Every structure is written in structure tokens, then in C-alpha cells.
Amino acid sequence: ELESEDDVKMALKKDRESMGHRYIEVFKSHRTEMDWVLKHSGPNSADTANDGFVRLRGLPFGCTKEEIVQF
């Protein structure tokens, strides 16, 4: 979840950019899609239900937190 439309635009500019040798896909999602994913594969804790998060898949094995933050 992003706080502003400007943040959304900035994130969407990263679509299909590379992190290491892998490309990253960024796309908009509706609340119902996010809720479905959380229900089926996300955190089960009620404490995290309202926290924003990014689901990352297919990252290079050696990818570090710093590389994610930098991206």
C-alpha cells in the first residue's frame, strides 16, 4: 500500500527494471485481490492486517535488504 498517488506513479516507473539479473514487475492491485492473497498465503496475524507490505517473488537468491531498499 502506498500513501499517495505520486508514490504509486513512482513505483510504477520501476516496472520491468532490473535487480541484479532479474526484472521486477510492478502493477496496481485492488483491495479485494490483496485481501485474497493475504487470506491464502500471507501473514495470519491480526496485528499485520493493517500494515502495508510488498509481496516479493522471484528475487535473486543473494538479494539483500539493502538492495531492495535501494531499488
N, C-alpha and C. Protein backbone atom coordinates (compact mmCIF):
# COMPACT_ATOMS: atom_id res chain seq x y z
N GLU A 1 0.85 -1.17 0.00
CA GLU A 1 0.00 0.00 0.00
C GLU A 1 0.89 1.23 0.00
N LEU A 2 0.55 2.16 -0.82
CA LEU A 2 1.31 3.40 -0.89
C LEU A 2 0.44 4.55 -0.40
N GLU A 3 1.09 5.58 0.10
CA GLU A 3 0.35 6.67 0.75
C GLU A 3 -0.25 7.68 -0.21
N SER A 4 0.36 7.87 -1.38
CA SER A 4 -0.14 8.91 -2.27
C SER A 4 -0.10 8.44 -3.72
N GLU A 5 -0.80 9.16 -4.56
CA GLU A 5 -0.80 8.86 -6.00
C GLU A 5 0.59 9.08 -6.59
N ASP A 6 1.33 10.05 -6.05
CA ASP A 6 2.71 10.27 -6.51
C ASP A 6 3.59 9.06 -6.21
N ASP A 7 3.39 8.44 -5.04
CA ASP A 7 4.14 7.24 -4.69
C ASP A 7 3.79 6.10 -5.65
N VAL A 8 2.53 5.99 -6.02
CA VAL A 8 2.10 4.97 -6.97
C VAL A 8 2.78 5.18 -8.31
N LYS A 9 2.78 6.42 -8.79
CA LYS A 9 3.42 6.72 -10.08
C LYS A 9 4.91 6.40 -10.05
N MET A 10 5.57 6.74 -8.94
CA MET A 10 6.99 6.46 -8.82
C MET A 10 7.25 4.95 -8.80
N ALA A 11 6.42 4.21 -8.08
CA ALA A 11 6.58 2.76 -8.02
C ALA A 11 6.34 2.13 -9.39
N LEU A 12 5.33 2.59 -10.11
CA LEU A 12 5.03 2.03 -11.42
C LEU A 12 6.15 2.28 -12.43
N LYS A 13 6.94 3.31 -12.22
CA LYS A 13 8.08 3.57 -13.10
C LYS A 13 9.15 2.49 -12.97
N LYS A 14 9.12 1.74 -11.86
CA LYS A 14 10.10 0.67 -11.64
C LYS A 14 9.70 -0.63 -12.34
N ASP A 15 8.51 -0.66 -12.95
CA ASP A 15 8.05 -1.88 -13.61
C ASP A 15 9.05 -2.31 -14.69
N ARG A 16 9.41 -3.57 -14.64
CA ARG A 16 10.32 -4.21 -15.59
C ARG A 16 11.75 -3.69 -15.54
N GLU A 17 12.11 -3.00 -14.44
CA GLU A 17 13.51 -2.66 -14.24
C GLU A 17 14.21 -3.89 -13.69
N SER A 18 15.52 -3.84 -13.64
CA SER A 18 16.29 -5.00 -13.20
C SER A 18 16.80 -4.82 -11.78
N MET A 19 16.87 -5.96 -11.09
CA MET A 19 17.55 -6.06 -9.80
C MET A 19 18.50 -7.24 -9.97
N GLY A 20 19.76 -6.93 -10.11
CA GLY A 20 20.70 -7.99 -10.47
C GLY A 20 20.40 -8.43 -11.90
N HIS A 21 20.21 -9.73 -12.10
CA HIS A 21 19.91 -10.25 -13.43
C HIS A 21 18.42 -10.51 -13.63
N ARG A 22 17.59 -10.10 -12.69
CA ARG A 22 16.15 -10.36 -12.76
C ARG A 22 15.41 -9.06 -13.00
N TYR A 23 14.29 -9.14 -13.70
CA TYR A 23 13.46 -7.94 -13.83
C TYR A 23 12.36 -7.99 -12.78
N ILE A 24 11.85 -6.82 -12.46
CA ILE A 24 10.83 -6.68 -11.43
C ILE A 24 9.55 -6.19 -12.10
N GLU A 25 8.43 -6.80 -11.75
CA GLU A 25 7.13 -6.34 -12.25
C GLU A 25 6.43 -5.58 -11.14
N VAL A 26 5.91 -4.41 -11.46
CA VAL A 26 5.16 -3.59 -10.52
C VAL A 26 3.82 -3.29 -11.18
N PHE A 27 2.73 -3.52 -10.44
CA PHE A 27 1.42 -3.25 -11.01
C PHE A 27 0.43 -2.91 -9.92
N LYS A 28 -0.64 -2.24 -10.30
CA LYS A 28 -1.68 -1.89 -9.34
C LYS A 28 -2.50 -3.12 -9.03
N SER A 29 -3.04 -3.14 -7.83
CA SER A 29 -3.88 -4.23 -7.39
C SER A 29 -5.04 -3.65 -6.60
N HIS A 30 -6.18 -4.30 -6.67
CA HIS A 30 -7.35 -3.85 -5.91
C HIS A 30 -7.32 -4.45 -4.51
N ARG A 31 -7.99 -3.80 -3.58
CA ARG A 31 -8.06 -4.26 -2.19
C ARG A 31 -8.55 -5.70 -2.12
N THR A 32 -9.53 -6.08 -2.94
CA THR A 32 -10.06 -7.45 -2.88
C THR A 32 -9.00 -8.47 -3.28
N GLU A 33 -8.16 -8.13 -4.25
CA GLU A 33 -7.08 -9.03 -4.65
C GLU A 33 -6.06 -9.19 -3.52
N MET A 34 -5.71 -8.08 -2.89
CA MET A 34 -4.75 -8.13 -1.79
C MET A 34 -5.31 -8.95 -0.63
N ASP A 35 -6.58 -8.74 -0.30
CA ASP A 35 -7.20 -9.49 0.79
C ASP A 35 -7.21 -10.99 0.48
N TRP A 36 -7.47 -11.37 -0.77
CA TRP A 36 -7.48 -12.78 -1.16
C TRP A 36 -6.10 -13.39 -0.98
N VAL A 37 -5.08 -12.68 -1.45
CA VAL A 37 -3.70 -13.19 -1.34
C VAL A 37 -3.31 -13.33 0.13
N LEU A 38 -3.65 -12.33 0.93
CA LEU A 38 -3.33 -12.41 2.36
C LEU A 38 -4.02 -13.60 3.01
N LYS A 39 -5.24 -13.83 2.65
CA LYS A 39 -6.00 -14.93 3.23
C LYS A 39 -5.40 -16.27 2.85
N HIS A 40 -4.88 -16.39 1.64
CA HIS A 40 -4.39 -17.67 1.15
C HIS A 40 -2.89 -17.89 1.31
N SER A 41 -2.10 -16.83 1.44
CA SER A 41 -0.66 -17.06 1.54
C SER A 41 0.08 -16.05 2.38
N GLY A 42 -0.60 -15.07 2.92
CA GLY A 42 0.08 -14.01 3.64
C GLY A 42 0.10 -14.23 5.13
N PRO A 43 0.52 -13.19 5.84
CA PRO A 43 0.58 -13.27 7.30
C PRO A 43 -0.80 -13.54 7.88
N ASN A 44 -0.85 -14.36 8.93
CA ASN A 44 -2.13 -14.70 9.55
C ASN A 44 -2.41 -13.87 10.79
N SER A 45 -1.48 -13.07 11.20
CA SER A 45 -1.63 -12.30 12.44
C SER A 45 -2.55 -11.11 12.22
N ALA A 46 -3.47 -10.91 13.15
CA ALA A 46 -4.36 -9.75 13.08
C ALA A 46 -3.57 -8.46 13.22
N ASP A 47 -2.41 -8.52 13.90
CA ASP A 47 -1.58 -7.33 14.08
C ASP A 47 -1.05 -6.80 12.76
N THR A 48 -0.90 -7.65 11.76
CA THR A 48 -0.34 -7.21 10.49
C THR A 48 -1.42 -6.89 9.47
N ALA A 49 -2.69 -7.04 9.84
CA ALA A 49 -3.78 -6.85 8.87
C ALA A 49 -3.81 -5.44 8.30
N ASN A 50 -3.42 -4.43 9.07
CA ASN A 50 -3.48 -3.06 8.59
C ASN A 50 -2.11 -2.49 8.24
N ASP A 51 -1.06 -3.28 8.38
CA ASP A 51 0.27 -2.83 7.99
C ASP A 51 0.40 -2.91 6.48
N GLY A 52 1.10 -1.96 5.90
CA GLY A 52 1.38 -2.04 4.47
C GLY A 52 2.53 -2.99 4.24
N PHE A 53 2.52 -3.67 3.13
CA PHE A 53 3.63 -4.55 2.80
C PHE A 53 3.71 -4.75 1.31
N VAL A 54 4.83 -5.22 0.87
CA VAL A 54 5.06 -5.53 -0.53
C VAL A 54 5.36 -7.00 -0.62
N ARG A 55 4.68 -7.69 -1.51
CA ARG A 55 4.95 -9.10 -1.72
C ARG A 55 6.02 -9.22 -2.80
N LEU A 56 7.11 -9.86 -2.46
CA LEU A 56 8.24 -10.01 -3.37
C LEU A 56 8.39 -11.47 -3.74
N ARG A 57 8.42 -11.74 -5.04
CA ARG A 57 8.63 -13.11 -5.51
C ARG A 57 9.71 -13.09 -6.57
N GLY A 58 10.44 -14.18 -6.69
CA GLY A 58 11.41 -14.33 -7.77
C GLY A 58 12.64 -13.46 -7.67
N LEU A 59 12.95 -12.99 -6.46
CA LEU A 59 14.16 -12.19 -6.31
C LEU A 59 15.39 -13.07 -6.45
N PRO A 60 16.51 -12.48 -6.87
CA PRO A 60 17.73 -13.27 -6.92
C PRO A 60 18.03 -13.84 -5.53
N PHE A 61 18.55 -15.04 -5.46
CA PHE A 61 18.79 -15.71 -4.19
C PHE A 61 19.63 -14.88 -3.24
N GLY A 62 20.64 -14.23 -3.76
CA GLY A 62 21.55 -13.46 -2.92
C GLY A 62 21.12 -12.03 -2.67
N CYS A 63 19.93 -11.66 -3.03
CA CYS A 63 19.44 -10.29 -2.87
C CYS A 63 19.41 -9.91 -1.39
N THR A 64 19.93 -8.72 -1.08
CA THR A 64 19.98 -8.28 0.31
C THR A 64 18.88 -7.25 0.58
N LYS A 65 18.61 -7.02 1.86
CA LYS A 65 17.65 -5.98 2.25
C LYS A 65 18.06 -4.63 1.70
N GLU A 66 19.35 -4.35 1.73
CA GLU A 66 19.86 -3.08 1.23
C GLU A 66 19.57 -2.91 -0.27
N GLU A 67 19.71 -3.98 -1.04
CA GLU A 67 19.42 -3.92 -2.47
C GLU A 67 17.94 -3.65 -2.71
N ILE A 68 17.08 -4.24 -1.90
CA ILE A 68 15.64 -4.00 -2.02
C ILE A 68 15.33 -2.55 -1.70
N VAL A 69 15.89 -2.03 -0.61
CA VAL A 69 15.65 -0.64 -0.22
C VAL A 69 16.17 0.29 -1.29
N GLN A 70 17.35 0.02 -1.83
CA GLN A 70 17.93 0.86 -2.87
C GLN A 70 17.06 0.87 -4.12
N PHE A 71 16.51 -0.31 -4.49
CA PHE A 71 15.64 -0.41 -5.66
C PHE A 71 14.41 0.45 -5.47
